[in-house]
Amino acid sequence: MSSDDLENYETAAELALYREYRDVVGLFQYVVETERRFYLCNKVDLGVRSSGNDVYFEVNMTDAWVWDVYRSARLVKNVRVVTFKDVNIEELAQDDAMPDIRQIRGR
């Protein structure tokens, strides 16, 4: 496989993932962004935890869709994320407005 073939494959996979996102975004109430992944979900709970002097976040999501081009199953019943990094949670508008994933991931 040449580097052009690999690049074309990755481009096609990203486009398919974006199209899937566009198709499912209306089914979800929240957008959750961590340092590693982007999620859509219908229920989210953010807990701030501490261990000694360290503070971390525990994020629990229900009925989630995961933005990950390499996952074969992106719909997940329950997700738990533990992170020391920032977590961004936004409630989606109930109208037809769809957040542009390219702008979100470009931060």
Protein backbone atom coordinates (compact mmCIF):
# COMPACT_ATOMS: atom_id res chain seq x y z
CA MET A 1 0.00 0.00 0.00
CA SER A 2 1.47 3.34 -1.01
CA SER A 3 1.38 6.48 1.11
CA ASP A 4 -1.18 7.95 -1.32
CA ASP A 5 -3.41 4.89 -0.86
CA LEU A 6 -3.15 5.22 2.90
CA GLU A 7 -3.94 8.94 2.78
CA ASN A 8 -6.95 8.30 0.52
CA TYR A 9 -8.19 5.58 2.87
CA GLU A 10 -7.88 7.86 5.92
CA THR A 11 -9.61 10.71 4.09
CA ALA A 12 -12.50 8.45 3.08
CA ALA A 13 -12.79 7.10 6.64
CA GLU A 14 -12.90 10.63 8.10
CA LEU A 15 -15.55 11.68 5.57
CA ALA A 16 -17.67 8.61 6.39
CA LEU A 17 -17.32 9.39 10.11
CA TYR A 18 -18.39 13.01 9.57
CA ARG A 19 -21.42 11.84 7.59
CA GLU A 20 -22.34 9.45 10.40
CA TYR A 21 -21.98 12.29 12.91
CA ARG A 22 -24.23 14.48 10.77
CA ASP A 23 -26.84 11.70 10.70
CA VAL A 24 -26.86 11.02 14.46
CA VAL A 25 -26.24 14.43 16.08
CA GLY A 26 -29.96 15.17 16.29
CA LEU A 27 -30.47 12.13 18.53
CA PHE A 28 -28.33 13.52 21.35
CA GLN A 29 -28.62 16.25 23.97
CA TYR A 30 -24.97 16.91 24.91
CA VAL A 31 -21.57 17.32 23.31
CA VAL A 32 -18.67 16.25 25.55
CA GLU A 33 -15.07 16.90 24.60
CA THR A 34 -12.07 15.50 26.45
CA GLU A 35 -8.39 15.69 25.53
CA ARG A 36 -8.64 12.32 23.77
CA ARG A 37 -12.15 12.06 22.32
CA PHE A 38 -15.34 13.78 21.32
CA TYR A 39 -18.72 12.34 22.38
CA LEU A 40 -22.40 12.91 21.83
CA CYS A 41 -24.64 11.68 24.64
CA ASN A 42 -28.05 12.02 26.24
CA LYS A 43 -26.95 12.08 29.87
CA VAL A 44 -23.69 13.30 31.35
CA ASP A 45 -22.43 13.57 34.92
CA LEU A 46 -19.20 15.41 35.72
CA GLY A 47 -17.54 14.75 39.06
CA VAL A 48 -14.50 16.57 40.40
CA ARG A 49 -12.36 14.20 42.45
CA SER A 50 -9.16 14.58 44.41
CA SER A 51 -6.41 12.25 45.48
CA GLY A 52 -3.90 13.92 47.77
CA ASN A 53 -2.96 17.18 46.04
CA ASP A 54 -4.13 16.00 42.61
CA VAL A 55 -7.53 16.96 41.20
CA TYR A 56 -9.10 14.99 38.36
CA PHE A 57 -12.42 14.71 36.56
CA GLU A 58 -14.67 11.69 36.27
CA VAL A 59 -17.18 11.92 33.42
CA ASN A 60 -19.98 9.38 33.11
CA MET A 61 -22.12 9.36 29.97
CA THR A 62 -25.17 7.34 28.99
CA ASP A 63 -26.29 6.51 25.45
CA ALA A 64 -23.16 7.89 23.83
CA TRP A 65 -21.75 8.11 20.32
CA VAL A 66 -17.94 8.28 20.12
CA TRP A 67 -16.04 10.25 17.48
CA ASP A 68 -13.32 7.73 16.71
CA VAL A 69 -12.57 6.72 13.14
CA TYR A 70 -10.94 3.46 14.26
CA ARG A 71 -13.86 2.15 16.39
CA SER A 72 -16.13 -0.31 14.66
CA ALA A 73 -18.95 0.29 17.18
CA ARG A 74 -19.37 3.96 18.00
CA LEU A 75 -22.68 3.71 19.88
CA VAL A 76 -21.99 2.90 23.54
CA LYS A 77 -24.50 2.39 26.36
CA ASN A 78 -22.25 3.73 29.15
CA VAL A 79 -18.92 5.57 29.02
CA ARG A 80 -16.67 6.50 31.94
CA VAL A 81 -13.73 8.83 31.39
CA VAL A 82 -11.18 9.76 34.06
CA THR A 83 -8.89 12.65 33.14
CA PHE A 84 -6.60 15.27 34.62
CA LYS A 85 -7.21 17.50 31.58
CA ASP A 86 -10.04 19.90 30.73
CA VAL A 87 -13.52 18.59 29.95
CA ASN A 88 -15.94 20.63 27.85
CA ILE A 89 -19.67 19.88 28.09
CA GLU A 90 -22.21 21.70 25.95
CA GLU A 91 -25.94 21.21 25.70
CA LEU A 92 -27.10 21.02 22.11
CA ALA A 93 -29.88 23.30 20.95
CA GLN A 94 -33.13 21.51 20.23
CA ASP A 95 -33.43 23.11 16.81
CA ASP A 96 -31.84 21.84 13.61
CA ALA A 97 -28.53 23.60 14.27
CA MET A 98 -25.61 21.21 14.13
CA PRO A 99 -22.23 22.11 15.64
CA ASP A 100 -19.46 21.98 13.07
CA ILE A 101 -17.13 19.19 14.21
CA ARG A 102 -14.25 20.67 12.21
CA GLN A 103 -14.34 23.81 14.35
CA ILE A 104 -14.70 21.87 17.61
CA ARG A 105 -11.80 19.51 16.87
CA GLY A 106 -9.62 22.42 15.67
CA ARG A 107 -9.39 24.00 19.13
